[in-house]
Amino acid sequence: MLEWIEDRTGIAAAVRPLLLHRVPPDTGWWYVLGSATAVAFIIQVVTGVALATVYVPSADNAYQSLSFITHDAPFGALLRGVHYFGASAMILLVGLHALRVFLFGSFKYPREINWLTGVLLLGLTVTMGFTGQLLRWDQNAVWSVVVGAEQAGRAPFVGRLLAHLVLAGKTVGAATLTRFFALHVFVVPGLIFAVLGLHLFLVIRNGISEPPVAGQPVDPSTYRERYHRQLERRGRPFWPDVAWRDVAFGVLVVAAVVTLAAVFGPPAIGKPPDPTIVNANPRPDWYFLWYFAVLALLPHGSERYVMVFGPLAAGLALMALPFLFGRGERSPRRRPWAVAAVVLVVLGVGTLWIAGLQARWSPDFSAGPLPAEIVGASSGPVARGAKLFAAKACVDCHRIAGHGGRRGPDLSDVADRLTRDQMTIRIANGGTNMPAFAGILTKDELEDVVAFLRTRKGAESGDQVR
């Protein structure tokens, strides 16, 4: 049967040269990161197709369908977990692969276009992560897209057009979700397949870069001849002499992703999107958290410049790299500036990531309703006010008796500091980082919230409700 298929298709004859192409000697475990990224992408495609068979990309049903997948569908939670940790693995691996290529000088002649296609794949991978976050269709996801649209909207001349393209209109709505679903499921994966195919073709065409050796600079006039002479003398066939590392590491990636999904489960689904909460500050997935910290820690007034020109400058710098430094030494020992750049990037992103993780200026979207023992009442204005305090996301920013966020002031003893009238005015009019609730709460609801806050007194007052 195999002979019959080969006679009609010639698949083995076409694949055999690719598998047996010779690679430089001493290519070790550092060279498995590219194939591991491709494995993570395959995980995303397989799990994404499975999720798309149940997910309903409509504003009315997306939240419920994702909740069904998580809580009711067979293996739904595991599938979402694998998809989430697969995305994390893909972004982590593509970043490490880019750092390895840069550190080894593999972007130099004749692999300039290899590097450019790799930069495109890095950007497309980040876009996959961004578009996928909205599909959860919860409060955090919706406001993450609003932040992205705001960033696009600050671009000179075309900002309004870009923001309109991101939101598919003037505000986040059903059209936004449909557009992001199409981008996440069809457009971006299709572009990744196309660019990845070109990237792999160029790897075969130009050969895998040999491990760098100090004192052997890249000279375009002699490099190809020296490289092919090395392959003839010491090169080894990719299969099976080298490919076993890629296979082993790929299996390890799959096992790690499935294990993390089984142990920790999928990301939690937050509250349904609520347009009445007009001043949310979302916390993105971990791989965007460092950039979230950058925007949050910028001096006031500089955000629009960093939002627009920061990513643009980074992209142009990566694109220009092989043209500015396309020849010369490849060894990190002879390129201290390259080593310093990698160290600075890793330390900078790591530090900002920790700052974003620990930041008290970020709301706690997982705070949930206040426990009954903190509220101290099961009915009446106090109970209704406590329920509104959670429903309107006040608890995401304000802490009460150790429960809630830290972005705003701690309200555990607010009744000792503010009178009833002062509370009413503050809630109705808002503040620097607090929205005005005069148009969000009815008069009765505002009175209920104030009634609840009036019970928040310090221990010295002797009547703190516990």
Protein backbone atom coordinates (compact mmCIF):
# COMPACT_ATOMS: atom_id res chain seq x y z
CA MET A 1 0.00 0.00 0.00
CA LEU A 2 2.83 2.39 0.86
CA GLU A 3 4.49 1.68 -2.47
CA TRP A 4 1.19 2.39 -4.25
CA ILE A 5 0.80 5.73 -2.41
CA GLU A 6 4.41 6.69 -3.09
CA ASP A 7 4.08 5.85 -6.78
CA ARG A 8 1.06 8.16 -7.07
CA THR A 9 2.18 11.00 -4.80
CA GLY A 10 5.97 10.96 -4.42
CA ILE A 11 5.65 12.18 -0.83
CA ALA A 12 8.61 10.19 0.50
CA ALA A 13 10.82 11.32 -2.38
CA ALA A 14 9.95 14.94 -1.59
CA VAL A 15 10.34 14.66 2.19
CA ARG A 16 13.47 12.50 2.29
CA PRO A 17 15.90 15.28 1.23
CA LEU A 18 14.40 17.56 3.89
CA LEU A 19 14.86 14.98 6.64
CA LEU A 20 18.35 13.98 5.53
CA HIS A 21 19.72 17.48 4.90
CA ARG A 22 23.02 17.93 6.64
CA VAL A 23 23.41 20.26 9.60
CA PRO A 24 26.57 21.64 11.23
CA PRO A 25 28.20 19.63 14.01
CA ASP A 26 27.82 20.45 17.71
CA THR A 27 24.26 21.78 17.40
CA GLY A 28 23.03 21.07 20.93
CA TRP A 29 19.93 21.69 22.99
CA TRP A 30 19.95 25.43 22.29
CA TYR A 31 18.74 24.64 18.78
CA VAL A 32 15.48 22.93 19.82
CA LEU A 33 13.63 26.13 20.74
CA GLY A 34 12.40 26.81 17.19
CA SER A 35 10.85 23.38 16.68
CA ALA A 36 9.41 23.51 20.22
CA THR A 37 7.64 26.77 19.31
CA ALA A 38 6.14 25.01 16.28
CA VAL A 39 4.94 22.19 18.57
CA ALA A 40 3.26 24.75 20.86
CA PHE A 41 1.57 26.28 17.80
CA ILE A 42 0.24 22.86 16.78
CA ILE A 43 -1.17 22.47 20.30
CA GLN A 44 -2.96 25.79 19.84
CA VAL A 45 -4.40 24.77 16.48
CA VAL A 46 -5.69 21.40 17.70
CA THR A 47 -7.20 22.69 20.95
CA GLY A 48 -8.50 25.85 19.25
CA VAL A 49 -10.40 23.84 16.65
CA ALA A 50 -11.91 21.70 19.40
CA LEU A 51 -12.97 24.75 21.44
CA ALA A 52 -14.42 26.47 18.36
CA THR A 53 -16.86 23.58 17.86
CA VAL A 54 -18.64 24.58 21.08
CA TYR A 55 -17.81 28.26 21.59
CA VAL A 56 -20.46 30.71 20.38
CA PRO A 57 -18.88 33.99 19.19
CA SER A 58 -21.80 36.27 19.96
CA ALA A 59 -22.13 38.93 22.63
CA ASP A 60 -25.27 37.27 24.03
CA ASN A 61 -23.92 33.72 24.24
CA ALA A 62 -20.09 33.86 24.39
CA TYR A 63 -19.90 34.08 28.19
CA GLN A 64 -22.43 31.29 28.71
CA SER A 65 -20.79 29.02 26.12
CA LEU A 66 -17.38 29.46 27.71
CA SER A 67 -18.90 28.75 31.12
CA PHE A 68 -20.47 25.59 29.67
CA ILE A 69 -17.11 24.48 28.25
CA THR A 70 -15.43 25.06 31.60
CA HIS A 71 -17.98 23.52 33.93
CA ASP A 72 -20.19 21.12 31.96
CA ALA A 73 -18.56 19.91 28.73
CA PRO A 74 -16.58 16.64 29.03
CA PHE A 75 -12.88 17.50 29.39
CA GLY A 76 -13.79 21.13 28.67
CA ALA A 77 -11.79 22.55 31.56
CA LEU A 78 -8.75 20.48 30.59
CA LEU A 79 -9.07 21.59 26.98
CA ARG A 80 -9.22 25.27 27.97
CA GLY A 81 -6.27 24.76 30.28
CA VAL A 82 -4.18 23.14 27.55
CA HIS A 83 -5.07 25.97 25.17
CA TYR A 84 -4.12 28.60 27.76
CA PHE A 85 -0.83 27.02 28.84
CA GLY A 86 -0.07 26.21 25.19
CA ALA A 87 -0.34 29.93 24.42
CA SER A 88 1.95 30.69 27.35
CA ALA A 89 4.46 28.10 26.12
CA MET A 90 4.35 29.45 22.57
CA ILE A 91 5.04 33.04 23.64
CA LEU A 92 7.76 31.97 26.08
CA LEU A 93 9.46 29.70 23.55
CA VAL A 94 9.33 32.17 20.65
CA GLY A 95 10.88 34.80 22.94
CA LEU A 96 13.66 32.45 24.05
CA HIS A 97 14.24 31.39 20.45
CA ALA A 98 14.60 35.04 19.38
CA LEU A 99 17.08 35.69 22.21
CA ARG A 100 19.11 32.61 21.24
CA VAL A 101 19.25 33.62 17.58
CA PHE A 102 20.30 37.14 18.55
CA LEU A 103 22.90 35.99 21.06
CA PHE A 104 24.44 33.49 18.61
CA GLY A 105 24.49 36.05 15.80
CA SER A 106 22.36 33.79 13.61
CA PHE A 107 20.66 36.83 12.07
CA LYS A 108 23.80 37.73 10.13
CA TYR A 109 24.49 36.96 6.46
CA PRO A 110 22.97 35.01 4.73
CA ARG A 111 20.06 34.65 7.15
CA GLU A 112 18.74 38.21 7.23
CA ILE A 113 15.33 37.22 5.85
CA ASN A 114 15.20 34.28 8.26
CA TRP A 115 15.40 36.87 11.04
CA LEU A 116 12.78 39.13 9.46
CA THR A 117 10.28 36.28 9.13
CA GLY A 118 11.06 35.33 12.73
CA VAL A 119 10.24 38.88 13.85
CA LEU A 120 6.94 38.62 11.97
CA LEU A 121 6.20 35.32 13.72
CA LEU A 122 6.96 36.95 17.08
CA GLY A 123 4.51 39.76 16.32
CA LEU A 124 1.85 37.34 15.10
CA THR A 125 2.25 35.22 18.24
CA VAL A 126 1.72 38.27 20.44
CA THR A 127 -1.32 39.19 18.33
CA MET A 128 -2.71 35.68 18.87
CA GLY A 129 -2.42 36.16 22.63
CA PHE A 130 -4.09 39.57 22.53
CA THR A 131 -7.02 38.55 20.34
CA GLY A 132 -7.59 35.36 22.32
CA GLN A 133 -8.00 37.19 25.61
CA LEU A 134 -11.19 38.96 24.44
CA LEU A 135 -12.89 35.65 23.64
CA ARG A 136 -13.38 35.05 27.36
CA TRP A 137 -15.84 37.95 27.12
CA ASP A 138 -15.63 38.88 30.78
CA GLN A 139 -15.06 42.27 32.38
CA ASN A 140 -11.28 41.95 32.38
CA ALA A 141 -11.11 40.85 28.74
CA VAL A 142 -13.39 43.62 27.45
CA TRP A 143 -11.46 46.37 29.18
CA SER A 144 -8.17 44.90 27.96
CA VAL A 145 -9.38 45.51 24.43
CA VAL A 146 -10.45 49.02 25.37
CA VAL A 147 -6.88 49.68 26.53
CA GLY A 148 -5.58 48.27 23.24
CA ALA A 149 -7.96 50.48 21.27
CA GLU A 150 -6.91 53.49 23.31
CA GLN A 151 -3.28 52.72 22.50
CA ALA A 152 -4.08 52.46 18.79
CA GLY A 153 -6.18 55.61 18.95
CA ARG A 154 -3.22 57.71 20.07
CA ALA A 155 -1.29 57.11 16.87
CA PRO A 156 -0.77 60.33 14.89
CA PHE A 157 -3.11 60.98 11.94
CA VAL A 158 -4.53 57.44 11.71
CA GLY A 159 -5.28 56.85 15.40
CA ARG A 160 -9.05 57.19 15.12
CA LEU A 161 -9.12 54.84 12.14
CA LEU A 162 -6.98 52.24 13.96
CA ALA A 163 -9.16 52.39 17.07
CA HIS A 164 -12.25 51.93 14.89
CA LEU A 165 -10.63 48.89 13.25
CA VAL A 166 -9.76 47.36 16.62
CA LEU A 167 -13.26 47.84 18.08
CA ALA A 168 -15.15 47.29 14.79
CA GLY A 169 -17.05 50.45 15.68
CA LYS A 170 -16.99 53.23 18.23
CA THR A 171 -17.43 51.01 21.29
CA VAL A 172 -16.87 47.40 22.32
CA GLY A 173 -19.80 45.27 21.24
CA ALA A 174 -20.94 42.24 19.31
CA ALA A 175 -19.03 43.33 16.20
CA THR A 176 -15.82 43.55 18.26
CA LEU A 177 -16.17 39.98 19.47
CA THR A 178 -16.93 38.71 15.95
CA ARG A 179 -13.91 40.50 14.52
CA PHE A 180 -11.56 39.21 17.21
CA PHE A 181 -12.91 35.68 16.77
CA ALA A 182 -12.23 35.84 13.04
CA LEU A 183 -8.74 37.23 13.62
CA HIS A 184 -7.90 34.70 16.33
CA VAL A 185 -9.28 31.63 14.59
CA PHE A 186 -8.75 32.31 10.88
CA VAL A 187 -6.62 35.32 9.94
CA VAL A 188 -3.70 35.21 12.38
CA PRO A 189 -3.24 31.39 12.31
CA GLY A 190 -3.35 31.51 8.50
CA LEU A 191 -0.65 34.18 8.46
CA ILE A 192 1.42 32.15 10.93
CA PHE A 193 1.18 29.07 8.70
CA ALA A 194 2.28 31.11 5.67
CA VAL A 195 5.18 32.90 7.38
CA LEU A 196 6.24 29.72 9.19
CA GLY A 197 6.37 27.88 5.86
CA LEU A 198 8.60 30.61 4.42
CA HIS A 199 10.72 30.57 7.58
CA LEU A 200 11.30 26.80 7.37
CA PHE A 201 12.04 27.03 3.65
CA LEU A 202 14.71 29.62 4.37
CA VAL A 203 16.17 27.44 7.12
CA ILE A 204 16.60 24.63 4.58
CA ARG A 205 17.74 27.03 1.86
CA ASN A 206 20.40 28.83 3.91
CA GLY A 207 21.15 26.02 6.36
CA ILE A 208 21.06 25.98 10.13
CA SER A 209 23.58 28.43 11.55
CA GLU A 210 26.60 26.70 13.02
CA PRO A 211 27.51 27.31 16.68
CA PRO A 212 29.49 30.56 16.82
CA VAL A 213 33.25 30.39 17.26
CA ALA A 214 35.30 33.34 18.47
CA GLY A 215 37.67 34.58 15.81
CA GLN A 216 35.56 33.38 12.87
CA PRO A 217 33.73 36.53 11.69
CA VAL A 218 31.07 36.43 8.99
CA ASP A 219 32.44 37.60 5.64
CA PRO A 220 29.76 37.52 2.88
CA SER A 221 32.41 36.92 0.22
CA THR A 222 33.64 33.66 1.79
CA TYR A 223 30.95 32.52 4.23
CA ARG A 224 28.93 30.20 1.98
CA GLU A 225 31.98 28.37 0.70
CA ARG A 226 33.32 27.87 4.23
CA TYR A 227 29.90 26.78 5.52
CA HIS A 228 29.35 24.13 2.79
CA ARG A 229 32.90 22.86 3.18
CA GLN A 230 32.21 22.34 6.89
CA LEU A 231 28.99 20.46 6.12
CA GLU A 232 30.81 18.14 3.69
CA ARG A 233 33.53 17.34 6.23
CA ARG A 234 31.68 17.17 9.53
CA GLY A 235 27.97 17.67 8.85
CA ARG A 236 25.40 15.16 10.09
CA PRO A 237 21.97 14.24 8.69
CA PHE A 238 19.13 15.98 10.48
CA TRP A 239 17.24 12.69 10.82
CA PRO A 240 17.87 10.92 13.08
CA ASP A 241 21.21 12.26 14.37
CA VAL A 242 19.89 15.70 15.34
CA ALA A 243 16.09 15.42 15.19
CA TRP A 244 15.90 13.24 18.30
CA ARG A 245 16.54 16.30 20.46
CA ASP A 246 13.70 18.18 18.79
CA VAL A 247 11.37 15.21 19.26
CA ALA A 248 12.36 14.71 22.90
CA PHE A 249 11.96 18.38 23.77
CA GLY A 250 8.68 18.60 21.85
CA VAL A 251 7.30 15.68 23.85
CA LEU A 252 8.46 17.43 27.04
CA VAL A 253 6.64 20.62 26.01
CA VAL A 254 3.39 18.71 25.37
CA ALA A 255 3.71 16.86 28.69
CA ALA A 256 4.40 20.08 30.59
CA VAL A 257 1.43 21.88 29.03
CA VAL A 258 -0.98 19.02 29.74
CA THR A 259 0.33 18.63 33.30
CA LEU A 260 -0.06 22.34 34.07
CA ALA A 261 -3.57 22.29 32.62
CA ALA A 262 -4.53 19.26 34.72
CA VAL A 263 -3.05 20.66 37.95
CA PHE A 264 -3.97 24.36 37.73
CA GLY A 265 -6.88 24.30 35.29
CA PRO A 266 -7.92 27.03 32.85
CA PRO A 267 -7.85 30.77 33.66
CA ALA A 268 -10.81 31.86 35.74
CA ILE A 269 -13.72 33.52 33.99
CA GLY A 270 -14.39 36.91 35.55
CA LYS A 271 -17.61 38.82 35.85
CA PRO A 272 -19.70 39.33 32.72
CA PRO A 273 -18.94 42.60 30.92
CA ASP A 274 -20.71 45.54 32.54
CA PRO A 275 -20.76 48.80 30.53
CA THR A 276 -21.75 50.76 33.65
CA ILE A 277 -18.27 50.23 35.10
CA VAL A 278 -16.53 53.01 33.22
CA ASN A 279 -13.18 53.20 34.98
CA ALA A 280 -11.84 49.67 35.04
CA ASN A 281 -8.12 48.96 34.82
CA PRO A 282 -7.78 45.39 33.58
CA ARG A 283 -4.98 43.01 34.40
CA PRO A 284 -3.87 41.19 31.24
CA ASP A 285 -2.49 37.67 30.94
CA TRP A 286 0.97 37.17 32.41
CA TYR A 287 2.86 37.59 29.14
CA PHE A 288 1.48 41.15 28.75
CA LEU A 289 1.82 42.04 32.41
CA TRP A 290 5.24 43.69 32.05
CA TYR A 291 3.92 46.08 29.38
CA PHE A 292 0.92 46.76 31.61
CA ALA A 293 3.37 47.82 34.32
CA VAL A 294 5.22 50.10 31.88
CA LEU A 295 2.02 51.97 31.02
CA ALA A 296 0.95 52.19 34.66
CA LEU A 297 4.31 53.53 35.91
CA LEU A 298 4.87 56.12 33.18
CA PRO A 299 4.90 59.80 34.22
CA HIS A 300 1.60 61.50 33.56
CA GLY A 301 1.43 62.93 30.07
CA SER A 302 4.01 60.63 28.50
CA GLU A 303 1.71 57.66 27.94
CA ARG A 304 0.61 58.57 24.42
CA TYR A 305 4.19 58.87 23.19
CA VAL A 306 5.30 55.57 24.69
CA MET A 307 2.12 53.79 23.56
CA VAL A 308 2.63 54.85 19.97
CA PHE A 309 6.38 55.12 19.50
CA GLY A 310 7.53 52.42 21.95
CA PRO A 311 6.28 49.35 20.03
CA LEU A 312 7.05 51.07 16.72
CA ALA A 313 10.65 51.76 17.73
CA ALA A 314 11.11 48.21 19.05
CA GLY A 315 9.77 46.70 15.83
CA LEU A 316 11.93 48.91 13.60
CA ALA A 317 15.02 48.14 15.69
CA LEU A 318 14.46 44.40 15.33
CA MET A 319 13.88 44.75 11.59
CA ALA A 320 17.00 46.88 11.12
CA LEU A 321 19.28 44.61 13.13
CA PRO A 322 20.50 42.27 10.33
CA PHE A 323 21.16 45.20 8.03
CA LEU A 324 23.16 47.16 10.59
CA PHE A 325 25.11 44.21 12.02
CA GLY A 326 24.93 41.62 9.24
CA ARG A 327 28.61 40.74 9.24
CA GLY A 328 31.47 40.36 11.71
CA GLU A 329 31.80 38.30 14.87
CA ARG A 330 29.02 35.95 15.93
CA SER A 331 30.46 34.64 19.17
CA PRO A 332 28.96 36.19 22.35
CA ARG A 333 32.52 36.34 23.69
CA ARG A 334 33.38 38.93 21.06
CA ARG A 335 30.02 40.75 21.25
CA PRO A 336 29.71 42.08 24.81
CA TRP A 337 27.09 44.62 23.70
CA ALA A 338 24.84 41.75 22.56
CA VAL A 339 25.23 39.95 25.90
CA ALA A 340 24.51 43.19 27.76
CA ALA A 341 21.40 43.81 25.63
CA VAL A 342 20.04 40.33 26.41
CA VAL A 343 20.72 40.72 30.12
CA LEU A 344 19.06 44.14 30.19
CA VAL A 345 15.99 42.86 28.34
CA VAL A 346 15.59 39.84 30.61
CA LEU A 347 16.13 41.82 33.81
CA GLY A 348 13.92 44.69 32.64
CA VAL A 349 11.00 42.52 31.56
CA GLY A 350 11.34 40.35 34.67
CA THR A 351 11.39 43.34 37.01
CA LEU A 352 8.41 44.97 35.31
CA TRP A 353 6.55 41.66 35.33
CA ILE A 354 7.03 41.34 39.10
CA ALA A 355 5.95 44.97 39.53
CA GLY A 356 2.81 44.29 37.51
CA LEU A 357 2.10 41.14 39.49
CA GLN A 358 2.43 42.85 42.87
CA ALA A 359 0.98 46.22 41.89
CA ARG A 360 -1.57 47.64 44.27
CA TRP A 361 -2.67 50.07 41.58
CA SER A 362 -4.37 47.20 39.76
CA PRO A 363 -7.91 46.19 40.72
CA ASP A 364 -8.49 42.68 42.04
CA PHE A 365 -10.99 41.25 39.57
CA SER A 366 -11.23 38.00 41.52
CA ALA A 367 -12.29 39.63 44.79
CA GLY A 368 -15.92 38.49 44.58
CA PRO A 369 -18.76 39.42 46.96
CA LEU A 370 -17.99 40.28 50.57
CA PRO A 371 -18.38 37.33 52.97
CA ALA A 372 -21.46 37.34 55.21
CA GLU A 373 -19.36 37.75 58.36
CA ILE A 374 -17.92 40.99 56.98
CA VAL A 375 -21.29 42.37 55.85
CA GLY A 376 -22.93 41.61 59.19
CA ALA A 377 -26.50 41.72 57.85
CA SER A 378 -28.60 39.42 55.70
CA SER A 379 -31.36 41.85 54.74
CA GLY A 380 -32.21 45.52 54.68
CA PRO A 381 -30.23 48.51 53.32
CA VAL A 382 -26.88 47.27 54.66
CA ALA A 383 -27.18 43.90 52.91
CA ARG A 384 -28.39 45.51 49.70
CA GLY A 385 -25.57 48.05 49.84
CA ALA A 386 -22.97 45.31 50.33
CA LYS A 387 -24.37 43.47 47.33
CA LEU A 388 -24.15 46.62 45.20
CA PHE A 389 -20.63 47.26 46.50
CA ALA A 390 -19.60 43.96 44.87
CA ALA A 391 -21.87 44.13 41.81
CA LYS A 392 -20.58 47.57 40.77
CA ALA A 393 -16.95 46.39 41.22
CA CYS A 394 -16.23 48.73 44.15
CA VAL A 395 -14.72 45.75 45.96
CA ASP A 396 -12.22 45.33 43.11
CA CYS A 397 -10.50 48.58 44.13
CA HIS A 398 -11.39 49.03 47.82
CA ARG A 399 -10.45 46.73 50.68
CA ILE A 400 -12.79 46.03 53.57
CA ALA A 401 -11.65 43.90 56.53
CA GLY A 402 -8.89 42.32 54.43
CA HIS A 403 -11.14 41.52 51.46
CA GLY A 404 -10.93 43.29 48.09
CA GLY A 405 -8.47 45.28 45.99
CA ARG A 406 -5.89 47.85 46.99
CA ARG A 407 -6.10 50.41 44.18
CA GLY A 408 -8.34 52.74 46.19
CA PRO A 409 -8.36 53.64 49.89
CA ASP A 410 -9.09 50.96 52.48
CA LEU A 411 -12.71 51.43 53.58
CA SER A 412 -12.62 49.21 56.66
CA ASP A 413 -13.08 52.27 58.90
CA VAL A 414 -14.43 54.80 56.40
CA ALA A 415 -17.30 55.76 58.73
CA ASP A 416 -14.73 57.13 61.18
CA ARG A 417 -13.37 59.46 58.48
CA LEU A 418 -16.37 60.58 56.44
CA THR A 419 -19.89 61.67 57.28
CA ARG A 420 -22.97 60.38 55.48
CA ASP A 421 -23.12 63.50 53.28
CA GLN A 422 -19.42 63.30 52.44
CA MET A 423 -19.79 59.65 51.40
CA THR A 424 -22.78 60.50 49.21
CA ILE A 425 -20.96 63.35 47.47
CA ARG A 426 -17.79 61.28 46.95
CA ILE A 427 -19.66 58.33 45.43
CA ALA A 428 -21.90 60.49 43.24
CA ASN A 429 -19.16 62.77 41.89
CA GLY A 430 -16.22 60.35 41.77
CA GLY A 431 -12.58 61.33 42.12
CA THR A 432 -9.21 61.25 40.40
CA ASN A 433 -9.23 57.51 39.64
CA MET A 434 -12.83 56.80 40.58
CA PRO A 435 -15.82 57.10 38.22
CA ALA A 436 -18.86 59.19 39.11
CA PHE A 437 -21.72 56.89 40.08
CA ALA A 438 -24.45 59.53 39.92
CA GLY A 439 -25.55 58.23 36.53
CA ILE A 440 -24.97 54.58 37.42
CA LEU A 441 -26.74 54.19 40.78
CA THR A 442 -30.33 55.17 41.47
CA LYS A 443 -31.07 57.33 44.49
CA ASP A 444 -32.21 54.31 46.52
CA GLU A 445 -29.14 52.29 45.49
CA LEU A 446 -26.84 55.15 46.49
CA GLU A 447 -28.52 55.34 49.88
CA ASP A 448 -28.08 51.57 50.35
CA VAL A 449 -24.35 51.74 49.55
CA VAL A 450 -23.90 54.63 51.98
CA ALA A 451 -25.85 52.70 54.62
CA PHE A 452 -23.46 49.79 54.21
CA LEU A 453 -20.38 52.03 54.38
CA ARG A 454 -21.74 53.70 57.52
CA THR A 455 -21.26 50.37 59.30
CA ARG A 456 -17.55 50.36 58.50
CA LYS A 457 -16.02 51.62 61.72
CA GLY A 458 -12.75 50.92 63.48
CA ALA A 459 -12.42 48.63 66.44
CA GLU A 460 -12.01 51.61 68.80
CA SER A 461 -15.49 52.83 67.86
CA GLY A 462 -16.88 49.70 69.47
CA ASP A 463 -19.59 49.07 66.89
CA GLN A 464 -17.72 47.61 63.90
CA VAL A 465 -20.00 45.07 62.29
CA ARG A 466 -18.21 41.72 62.01
